[in-house]
C-alpha atoms as a PDB file:
ATOM      1  CA  MET A   1     -24.283  -9.971  14.629  1.00  0.00           C
ATOM      2  CA  LEU A   2     -22.836  -6.635  13.569  1.00  0.00           C
ATOM      3  CA  ALA A   3     -25.123  -4.010  12.058  1.00  0.00           C
ATOM      4  CA  SER A   4     -23.022  -4.125   8.879  1.00  0.00           C
ATOM      5  CA  GLU A   5     -23.894  -7.829   8.484  1.00  0.00           C
ATOM      6  CA  ILE A   6     -27.656  -7.280   8.470  1.00  0.00           C
ATOM      7  CA  PRO A   7     -28.835  -7.455   4.834  1.00  0.00           C
ATOM      8  CA  LYS A   8     -31.765  -5.014   4.925  1.00  0.00           C
ATOM      9  CA  ASP A   9     -30.599  -3.029   1.880  1.00  0.00           C
ATOM     10  CA  ASN A  10     -29.952  -6.203  -0.153  1.00  0.00           C
ATOM     11  CA  LEU A  11     -33.461  -7.449   0.517  1.00  0.00           C
ATOM     12  CA  ALA A  12     -35.063  -4.148  -0.482  1.00  0.00           C
ATOM     13  CA  THR A  13     -32.925  -3.700  -3.602  1.00  0.00           C
ATOM     14  CA  ASN A  14     -32.521  -7.236  -4.937  1.00  0.00           C
ATOM     15  CA  GLY A  15     -35.528  -8.968  -3.378  1.00  0.00           C
ATOM     16  CA  TYR A  16     -33.433 -11.458  -1.422  1.00  0.00           C
ATOM     17  CA  ALA A  17     -30.546 -11.669   1.031  1.00  0.00           C
ATOM     18  CA  ILE A  18     -28.529 -14.448   2.654  1.00  0.00           C
ATOM     19  CA  ILE A  19     -27.004 -14.796   6.117  1.00  0.00           C
ATOM     20  CA  ASN A  20     -24.879 -17.928   6.351  1.00  0.00           C
ATOM     21  CA  ASP A  21     -24.236 -19.932   9.530  1.00  0.00           C
ATOM     22  CA  PHE A  22     -26.948 -18.197  11.575  1.00  0.00           C
ATOM     23  CA  PHE A  23     -28.209 -21.304  13.356  1.00  0.00           C
ATOM     24  CA  SER A  24     -25.609 -23.518  15.008  1.00  0.00           C
ATOM     25  CA  ASN A  25     -25.007 -27.155  14.046  1.00  0.00           C
ATOM     26  CA  THR A  26     -26.442 -28.119  17.430  1.00  0.00           C
ATOM     27  CA  GLU A  27     -29.685 -26.216  16.703  1.00  0.00           C
ATOM     28  CA  ILE A  28     -30.003 -27.632  13.184  1.00  0.00           C
ATOM     29  CA  ASN A  29     -29.313 -31.176  14.349  1.00  0.00           C
ATOM     30  CA  HIS A  30     -31.940 -30.742  17.074  1.00  0.00           C
ATOM     31  CA  LEU A  31     -34.473 -29.764  14.406  1.00  0.00           C
ATOM     32  CA  LEU A  32     -33.469 -32.753  12.263  1.00  0.00           C
ATOM     33  CA  ASN A  33     -33.889 -35.104  15.225  1.00  0.00           C
ATOM     34  CA  ILE A  34     -37.392 -33.739  15.816  1.00  0.00           C
ATOM     35  CA  LEU A  35     -38.261 -34.185  12.138  1.00  0.00           C
ATOM     36  CA  SER A  36     -36.974 -37.756  12.088  1.00  0.00           C
ATOM     37  CA  ALA A  37     -39.381 -38.711  14.895  1.00  0.00           C
ATOM     38  CA  ILE A  38     -42.665 -37.280  13.582  1.00  0.00           C
ATOM     39  CA  ASP A  39     -45.681 -39.202  12.288  1.00  0.00           C
ATOM     40  CA  ILE A  40     -45.744 -38.567   8.526  1.00  0.00           C
ATOM     41  CA  SER A  41     -49.242 -39.992   7.914  1.00  0.00           C
ATOM     42  CA  LYS A  42     -51.180 -36.750   8.544  1.00  0.00           C
ATOM     43  CA  PRO A  43     -53.171 -35.178   5.660  1.00  0.00           C
ATOM     44  CA  THR A  44     -51.145 -31.935   5.811  1.00  0.00           C
ATOM     45  CA  PHE A  45     -48.046 -33.977   4.929  1.00  0.00           C
ATOM     46  CA  ARG A  46     -47.214 -34.601   1.282  1.00  0.00           C
ATOM     47  CA  LYS A  47     -44.905 -37.473   0.432  1.00  0.00           C
ATOM     48  CA  THR A  48     -43.741 -38.579  -3.024  1.00  0.00           C
ATOM     49  CA  ASN A  49     -40.493 -39.998  -4.386  1.00  0.00           C
ATOM     50  CA  ASP A  50     -39.424 -36.466  -5.290  1.00  0.00           C
ATOM     51  CA  LEU A  51     -40.614 -34.401  -2.336  1.00  0.00           C
ATOM     52  CA  PHE A  52     -41.733 -34.584   1.265  1.00  0.00           C
ATOM     53  CA  ALA A  53     -43.536 -31.510   2.595  1.00  0.00           C
ATOM     54  CA  ILE A  54     -45.290 -30.538   5.822  1.00  0.00           C
ATOM     55  CA  ARG A  55     -47.843 -27.758   5.469  1.00  0.00           C
ATOM     56  CA  GLN A  56     -48.605 -25.625   8.545  1.00  0.00           C
ATOM     57  CA  PHE A  57     -45.265 -26.803   9.846  1.00  0.00           C
ATOM     58  CA  LEU A  58     -45.203 -24.771  13.067  1.00  0.00           C
ATOM     59  CA  LYS A  59     -48.643 -26.098  14.012  1.00  0.00           C
ATOM     60  CA  GLU A  60     -47.835 -29.700  13.098  1.00  0.00           C
ATOM     61  CA  VAL A  61     -44.348 -29.715  14.656  1.00  0.00           C
ATOM     62  CA  PRO A  62     -44.644 -27.318  17.632  1.00  0.00           C
ATOM     63  CA  GLN A  63     -41.434 -28.668  19.152  1.00  0.00           C
ATOM     64  CA  ALA A  64     -39.542 -26.693  16.504  1.00  0.00           C
ATOM     65  CA  LYS A  65     -40.868 -23.270  17.601  1.00  0.00           C
ATOM     66  CA  ASP A  66     -38.498 -22.534  20.467  1.00  0.00           C
ATOM     67  CA  ILE A  67     -35.439 -23.626  18.480  1.00  0.00           C
ATOM     68  CA  ILE A  68     -36.312 -21.426  15.509  1.00  0.00           C
ATOM     69  CA  PHE A  69     -37.699 -18.414  17.368  1.00  0.00           C
ATOM     70  CA  ASN A  70     -34.811 -18.017  19.764  1.00  0.00           C
ATOM     71  CA  THR A  71     -33.678 -14.628  21.069  1.00  0.00           C
ATOM     72  CA  ARG A  72     -31.157 -14.120  18.238  1.00  0.00           C
ATOM     73  CA  PHE A  73     -33.686 -14.855  15.499  1.00  0.00           C
ATOM     74  CA  LYS A  74     -36.408 -12.628  16.958  1.00  0.00           C
ATOM     75  CA  SER A  75     -33.886  -9.831  17.436  1.00  0.00           C
ATOM     76  CA  LEU A  76     -32.825 -10.149  13.784  1.00  0.00           C
ATOM     77  CA  LEU A  77     -36.429 -10.021  12.589  1.00  0.00           C
ATOM     78  CA  ARG A  78     -37.152  -6.940  14.695  1.00  0.00           C
ATOM     79  CA  THR A  79     -34.040  -5.202  13.364  1.00  0.00           C
ATOM     80  CA  LEU A  80     -34.979  -5.929   9.754  1.00  0.00           C
ATOM     81  CA  PHE A  81     -38.747  -5.540   9.845  1.00  0.00           C
ATOM     82  CA  GLY A  82     -39.881  -4.074  13.165  1.00  0.00           C
ATOM     83  CA  GLY A  83     -42.059  -5.717  15.786  1.00  0.00           C
ATOM     84  CA  ASP A  84     -45.441  -5.838  14.041  1.00  0.00           C
ATOM     85  CA  PHE A  85     -44.918  -8.882  11.827  1.00  0.00           C
ATOM     86  CA  PHE A  86     -46.452 -12.296  12.482  1.00  0.00           C
ATOM     87  CA  VAL A  87     -46.289 -15.725  10.835  1.00  0.00           C
ATOM     88  CA  ILE A  88     -48.872 -16.389   8.104  1.00  0.00           C
ATOM     89  CA  LYS A  89     -47.522 -19.628   6.587  1.00  0.00           C
ATOM     90  CA  SER A  90     -44.911 -22.275   7.363  1.00  0.00           C
ATOM     91  CA  ILE A  91     -43.845 -25.266   5.272  1.00  0.00           C
ATOM     92  CA  TYR A  92     -41.093 -27.855   5.590  1.00  0.00           C
ATOM     93  CA  PHE A  93     -39.592 -29.124   2.310  1.00  0.00           C
ATOM     94  CA  ASP A  94     -37.425 -32.220   2.010  1.00  0.00           C
ATOM     95  CA  LYS A  95     -36.030 -32.712  -1.484  1.00  0.00           C
ATOM     96  CA  PRO A  96     -34.462 -36.222  -1.455  1.00  0.00           C
ATOM     97  CA  GLU A  97     -31.079 -37.193  -2.863  1.00  0.00           C
ATOM     98  CA  GLU A  98     -32.517 -38.675  -6.074  1.00  0.00           C
ATOM     99  CA  SER A  99     -35.229 -36.084  -6.650  1.00  0.00           C
ATOM    100  CA  ASN A 100     -36.264 -35.145 -10.176  1.00  0.00           C
ATOM    101  CA  TRP A 101     -38.597 -32.477  -8.797  1.00  0.00           C
ATOM    102  CA  PHE A 102     -38.027 -29.003 -10.180  1.00  0.00           C
ATOM    103  CA  VAL A 103     -39.925 -25.734 -10.100  1.00  0.00           C
ATOM    104  CA  ALA A 104     -40.033 -23.335 -13.044  1.00  0.00           C
ATOM    105  CA  TYR A 105     -39.717 -19.582 -12.614  1.00  0.00           C
ATOM    106  CA  HIS A 106     -42.670 -18.063 -10.777  1.00  0.00           C
ATOM    107  CA  GLN A 107     -43.732 -15.512  -8.185  1.00  0.00           C
ATOM    108  CA  ASP A 108     -45.563 -16.503  -4.986  1.00  0.00           C
ATOM    109  CA  LEU A 109     -48.886 -14.800  -5.679  1.00  0.00           C
ATOM    110  CA  THR A 110     -51.282 -16.480  -3.239  1.00  0.00           C
ATOM    111  CA  ILE A 111     -51.889 -16.410   0.492  1.00  0.00           C
ATOM    112  CA  SER A 112     -53.429 -19.107   2.699  1.00  0.00           C
ATOM    113  CA  VAL A 113     -56.712 -18.178   4.398  1.00  0.00           C
ATOM    114  CA  ASP A 114     -59.353 -19.859   6.549  1.00  0.00           C
ATOM    115  CA  LYS A 115     -62.308 -19.796   4.148  1.00  0.00           C
ATOM    116  CA  LYS A 116     -63.527 -18.748   0.706  1.00  0.00           C
ATOM    117  CA  ILE A 117     -65.745 -15.678   0.720  1.00  0.00           C
ATOM    118  CA  PRO A 118     -66.348 -12.996  -1.930  1.00  0.00           C
ATOM    119  CA  ILE A 119     -64.150  -9.965  -1.227  1.00  0.00           C
ATOM    120  CA  ALA A 120     -63.383  -7.276  -3.787  1.00  0.00           C
ATOM    121  CA  GLY A 121     -59.844  -7.538  -5.125  1.00  0.00           C
ATOM    122  CA  PHE A 122     -59.261 -11.099  -3.865  1.00  0.00           C
ATOM    123  CA  GLY A 123     -59.083 -13.833  -6.500  1.00  0.00           C
ATOM    124  CA  PRO A 124     -58.690 -16.234  -8.160  1.00  0.00           C
ATOM    125  CA  TRP A 125     -59.160 -18.889  -5.467  1.00  0.00           C
ATOM    126  CA  THR A 126     -57.755 -22.424  -5.175  1.00  0.00           C
ATOM    127  CA  THR A 127     -58.248 -25.257  -2.694  1.00  0.00           C
ATOM    128  CA  LYS A 128     -55.661 -27.943  -1.855  1.00  0.00           C
ATOM    129  CA  HIS A 129     -56.083 -30.554   0.876  1.00  0.00           C
ATOM    130  CA  ASN A 130     -58.945 -28.541   2.405  1.00  0.00           C
ATOM    131  CA  GLN A 131     -56.789 -25.406   2.557  1.00  0.00           C
ATOM    132  CA  PHE A 132     -57.901 -22.228   0.812  1.00  0.00           C
ATOM    133  CA  ALA A 133     -55.549 -19.979  -1.132  1.00  0.00           C
ATOM    134  CA  VAL A 134     -56.274 -16.728  -2.923  1.00  0.00           C
ATOM    135  CA  GLN A 135     -54.399 -14.039  -4.803  1.00  0.00           C
ATOM    136  CA  PRO A 136     -54.787 -10.847  -2.768  1.00  0.00           C
ATOM    137  CA  PRO A 137     -54.339  -7.233  -3.875  1.00  0.00           C
ATOM    138  CA  LEU A 138     -50.739  -6.299  -4.608  1.00  0.00           C
ATOM    139  CA  GLU A 139     -50.322  -4.342  -1.352  1.00  0.00           C
ATOM    140  CA  TYR A 140     -50.579  -7.597   0.628  1.00  0.00           C
ATOM    141  CA  LEU A 141     -47.936  -9.355  -1.454  1.00  0.00           C
ATOM    142  CA  GLU A 142     -45.579  -6.388  -1.208  1.00  0.00           C
ATOM    143  CA  ASN A 143     -45.897  -6.482   2.566  1.00  0.00           C
ATOM    144  CA  ILE A 144     -44.929 -10.154   2.965  1.00  0.00           C
ATOM    145  CA  PHE A 145     -41.404 -11.444   3.466  1.00  0.00           C
ATOM    146  CA  THR A 146     -40.197 -15.057   3.543  1.00  0.00           C
ATOM    147  CA  VAL A 147     -37.486 -16.683   5.647  1.00  0.00           C
ATOM    148  CA  ARG A 148     -35.951 -19.954   4.437  1.00  0.00           C
ATOM    149  CA  ILE A 149     -33.935 -21.819   7.076  1.00  0.00           C
ATOM    150  CA  HIS A 150     -31.537 -24.307   5.463  1.00  0.00           C
ATOM    151  CA  LEU A 151     -30.987 -27.639   7.188  1.00  0.00           C
ATOM    152  CA  ASP A 152     -28.387 -28.755   4.619  1.00  0.00           C
ATOM    153  CA  ASP A 153     -25.679 -27.129   2.533  1.00  0.00           C
ATOM    154  CA  THR A 154     -27.581 -26.021  -0.566  1.00  0.00           C
ATOM    155  CA  ASN A 155     -26.075 -25.355  -3.972  1.00  0.00           C
ATOM    156  CA  GLU A 156     -26.948 -25.682  -7.634  1.00  0.00           C
ATOM    157  CA  GLY A 157     -26.463 -29.461  -7.483  1.00  0.00           C
ATOM    158  CA  ASN A 158     -29.247 -30.074  -4.972  1.00  0.00           C
ATOM    159  CA  GLY A 159     -31.759 -27.502  -6.084  1.00  0.00           C
ATOM    160  CA  ALA A 160     -30.702 -24.172  -4.598  1.00  0.00           C
ATOM    161  CA  LEU A 161     -33.071 -21.396  -5.577  1.00  0.00           C
ATOM    162  CA  LYS A 162     -32.368 -19.503  -8.766  1.00  0.00           C
ATOM    163  CA  VAL A 163     -33.596 -15.914  -8.702  1.00  0.00           C
ATOM    164  CA  ILE A 164     -33.848 -12.870 -10.928  1.00  0.00           C
ATOM    165  CA  PRO A 165     -32.634  -9.941  -8.808  1.00  0.00           C
ATOM    166  CA  LYS A 166     -34.895  -6.887  -8.655  1.00  0.00           C
ATOM    167  CA  SER A 167     -37.802  -8.693 -10.314  1.00  0.00           C
ATOM    168  CA  HIS A 168     -39.882  -8.110  -7.160  1.00  0.00           C
ATOM    169  CA  LEU A 169     -39.960  -4.410  -8.091  1.00  0.00           C
ATOM    170  CA  LYS A 170     -41.881  -5.094 -11.321  1.00  0.00           C
ATOM    171  CA  SER A 171     -45.286  -5.923  -9.828  1.00  0.00           C
ATOM    172  CA  ILE A 172     -46.845  -9.029 -11.416  1.00  0.00           C
ATOM    173  CA  TYR A 173     -44.121 -10.303 -13.763  1.00  0.00           C
ATOM    174  CA  ARG A 174     -45.212 -13.299 -15.806  1.00  0.00           C
ATOM    175  CA  PRO A 175     -42.455 -15.871 -16.444  1.00  0.00           C
ATOM    176  CA  GLU A 176     -43.277 -15.988 -20.148  1.00  0.00           C
ATOM    177  CA  ASN A 177     -42.442 -12.272 -20.309  1.00  0.00           C
ATOM    178  CA  ILE A 178     -38.951 -12.533 -18.816  1.00  0.00           C
ATOM    179  CA  ASP A 179     -36.575 -10.572 -21.019  1.00  0.00           C
ATOM    180  CA  TRP A 180     -33.317 -12.541 -20.794  1.00  0.00           C
ATOM    181  CA  THR A 181     -31.516  -9.853 -22.792  1.00  0.00           C
ATOM    182  CA  THR A 182     -31.746  -7.586 -19.749  1.00  0.00           C
ATOM    183  CA  GLU A 183     -32.331  -9.932 -16.796  1.00  0.00           C
ATOM    184  CA  THR A 184     -29.688 -11.950 -14.972  1.00  0.00           C
ATOM    185  CA  GLU A 185     -29.998 -15.168 -12.986  1.00  0.00           C
ATOM    186  CA  GLU A 186     -28.295 -15.815  -9.674  1.00  0.00           C
ATOM    187  CA  ILE A 187     -27.900 -19.108  -7.787  1.00  0.00           C
ATOM    188  CA  CYS A 188     -28.583 -18.748  -4.061  1.00  0.00           C
ATOM    189  CA  CYS A 189     -26.129 -21.081  -2.359  1.00  0.00           C
ATOM    190  CA  VAL A 190     -26.747 -21.258   1.395  1.00  0.00           C
ATOM    191  CA  ASN A 191     -24.783 -23.133   4.055  1.00  0.00           C
ATOM    192  CA  LYS A 192     -26.372 -25.503   6.562  1.00  0.00           C
ATOM    193  CA  GLY A 193     -27.759 -23.250   9.296  1.00  0.00           C
ATOM    194  CA  GLY A 194     -27.985 -20.282   6.962  1.00  0.00           C
ATOM    195  CA  ILE A 195     -31.022 -18.108   6.291  1.00  0.00           C
ATOM    196  CA  MET A 196     -32.322 -16.785   3.002  1.00  0.00           C
ATOM    197  CA  PHE A 197     -34.739 -13.842   3.088  1.00  0.00           C
ATOM    198  CA  MET A 198     -36.842 -13.167   0.029  1.00  0.00           C
ATOM    199  CA  LYS A 199     -39.846 -11.198  -1.179  1.00  0.00           C
ATOM    200  CA  PRO A 200     -42.684 -13.287  -2.665  1.00  0.00           C
ATOM    201  CA  LEU A 201     -42.781 -11.206  -5.849  1.00  0.00           C
ATOM    202  CA  LEU A 202     -39.160 -12.158  -6.609  1.00  0.00           C
ATOM    203  CA  LEU A 203     -39.091 -14.503  -9.599  1.00  0.00           C
ATOM    204  CA  HIS A 204     -37.531 -17.765  -8.418  1.00  0.00           C
ATOM    205  CA  ALA A 205     -37.068 -21.370  -9.545  1.00  0.00           C
ATOM    206  CA  SER A 206     -35.182 -24.531  -8.580  1.00  0.00           C
ATOM    207  CA  SER A 207     -33.603 -27.331 -10.598  1.00  0.00           C
ATOM    208  CA  ARG A 208     -33.522 -31.097 -10.287  1.00  0.00           C
ATOM    209  CA  THR A 209     -31.043 -32.674  -7.896  1.00  0.00           C
ATOM    210  CA  THR A 210     -27.852 -33.852  -9.600  1.00  0.00           C
ATOM    211  CA  ASN A 211     -25.343 -34.342  -6.747  1.00  0.00           C
ATOM    212  CA  HIS A 212     -27.249 -36.929  -4.667  1.00  0.00           C
ATOM    213  CA  GLN A 213     -27.474 -34.628  -1.651  1.00  0.00           C
ATOM    214  CA  LYS A 214     -30.583 -33.757   0.356  1.00  0.00           C
ATOM    215  CA  ARG A 215     -32.048 -30.258   0.424  1.00  0.00           C
ATOM    216  CA  ARG A 216     -34.199 -29.655   3.495  1.00  0.00           C
ATOM    217  CA  VAL A 217     -35.638 -26.194   4.127  1.00  0.00           C
ATOM    218  CA  ILE A 218     -38.071 -24.632   6.590  1.00  0.00           C
ATOM    219  CA  HIS A 219     -40.020 -21.906   4.763  1.00  0.00           C
ATOM    220  CA  ILE A 220     -41.809 -19.281   6.915  1.00  0.00           C
ATOM    221  CA  GLU A 221     -43.812 -16.300   5.626  1.00  0.00           C
ATOM    222  CA  PHE A 222     -44.554 -13.144   7.618  1.00  0.00           C
ATOM    223  CA  SER A 223     -46.922 -10.199   7.234  1.00  0.00           C
ATOM    224  CA  SER A 224     -47.956  -7.184   9.297  1.00  0.00           C
ATOM    225  CA  LYS A 225     -51.302  -6.661   7.508  1.00  0.00           C
ATOM    226  CA  GLN A 226     -54.607  -7.936   8.810  1.00  0.00           C
ATOM    227  CA  LEU A 227     -57.074  -9.263   6.252  1.00  0.00           C
ATOM    228  CA  PRO A 228     -60.481  -7.692   5.521  1.00  0.00           C
ATOM    229  CA  GLU A 229     -63.279  -8.428   7.967  1.00  0.00           C
ATOM    230  CA  GLY A 230     -64.571 -11.964   7.634  1.00  0.00           C
ATOM    231  CA  LEU A 231     -61.287 -13.420   6.389  1.00  0.00           C
ATOM    232  CA  GLN A 232     -58.430 -14.751   8.517  1.00  0.00           C
ATOM    233  CA  TRP A 233     -54.936 -16.012   7.829  1.00  0.00           C
ATOM    234  CA  SER A 234     -55.106 -19.817   7.987  1.00  0.00           C
ATOM    235  CA  GLU A 235     -51.928 -19.943  10.056  1.00  0.00           C
ATOM    236  CA  TYR A 236     -51.533 -16.949  12.360  1.00  0.00           C
ATOM    237  CA  LEU A 237     -48.730 -17.100  14.929  1.00  0.00           C
ATOM    238  CA  SER A 238     -47.145 -14.149  16.719  1.00  0.00           C
ATOM    239  CA  PHE A 239     -43.552 -14.456  17.905  1.00  0.00           C
ATOM    240  CA  MET A 240     -42.589 -10.809  17.859  1.00  0.00           C
ATOM    241  CA  PRO A 241     -42.817  -9.301  21.372  1.00  0.00           C
ATOM    242  CA  GLN A 242     -41.117  -5.957  21.639  1.00  0.00           C
ATOM    243  CA  SER A 243     -38.443  -7.326  23.955  1.00  0.00           C
ATOM    244  CA  ASP A 244     -37.250 -10.671  25.313  1.00  0.00           C
END
């Protein structure tokens, strides 16, 4: 990949960036074959008519690690973010062909941690499926970046993300306060094998599926900040050696 193709400025300015056709069809099909063979009965898996999701994806499906974190991907991450970042969350989303599931505009304001303990600046807390989540101080959210690996062509018809560019620069930005006289909405179409980078404070949403096509995405969050003493990331994985 040429230096001119690396979207570091787009991510900083707009809160998101897209690189299409990063993973090959062979790599994506390998991931899909792995996913088709897994046991979906585990408690970290969520299955409804509208959505199938695997929380702690890299822990639950370790066979996917080497395909995702190949030399090209790790080199791209180092170029964009340096070598200090590590995985703090991974989720697999499968939005079926007939899905009526949609997500309204929001920011990703919580992190997943190993326990609930009183720490100044952390809160409110939530618990889902025995997993703890908490809203941390703003400096933690500003440090995080998300990578979304697309296993299908994704467009407006099958629930591609809608975003409000630059909204990540406005701190906590409540959806009910969106000023549509000044804000614009963009649809983030991504090809199969493409990557979308985004900042968690970017306002984003997705619509119902209307074109009867799947939308499968692997969502991975990274941070370079350790949590206060006594608290740990619930899903800590380091794949960022300085060289391969």
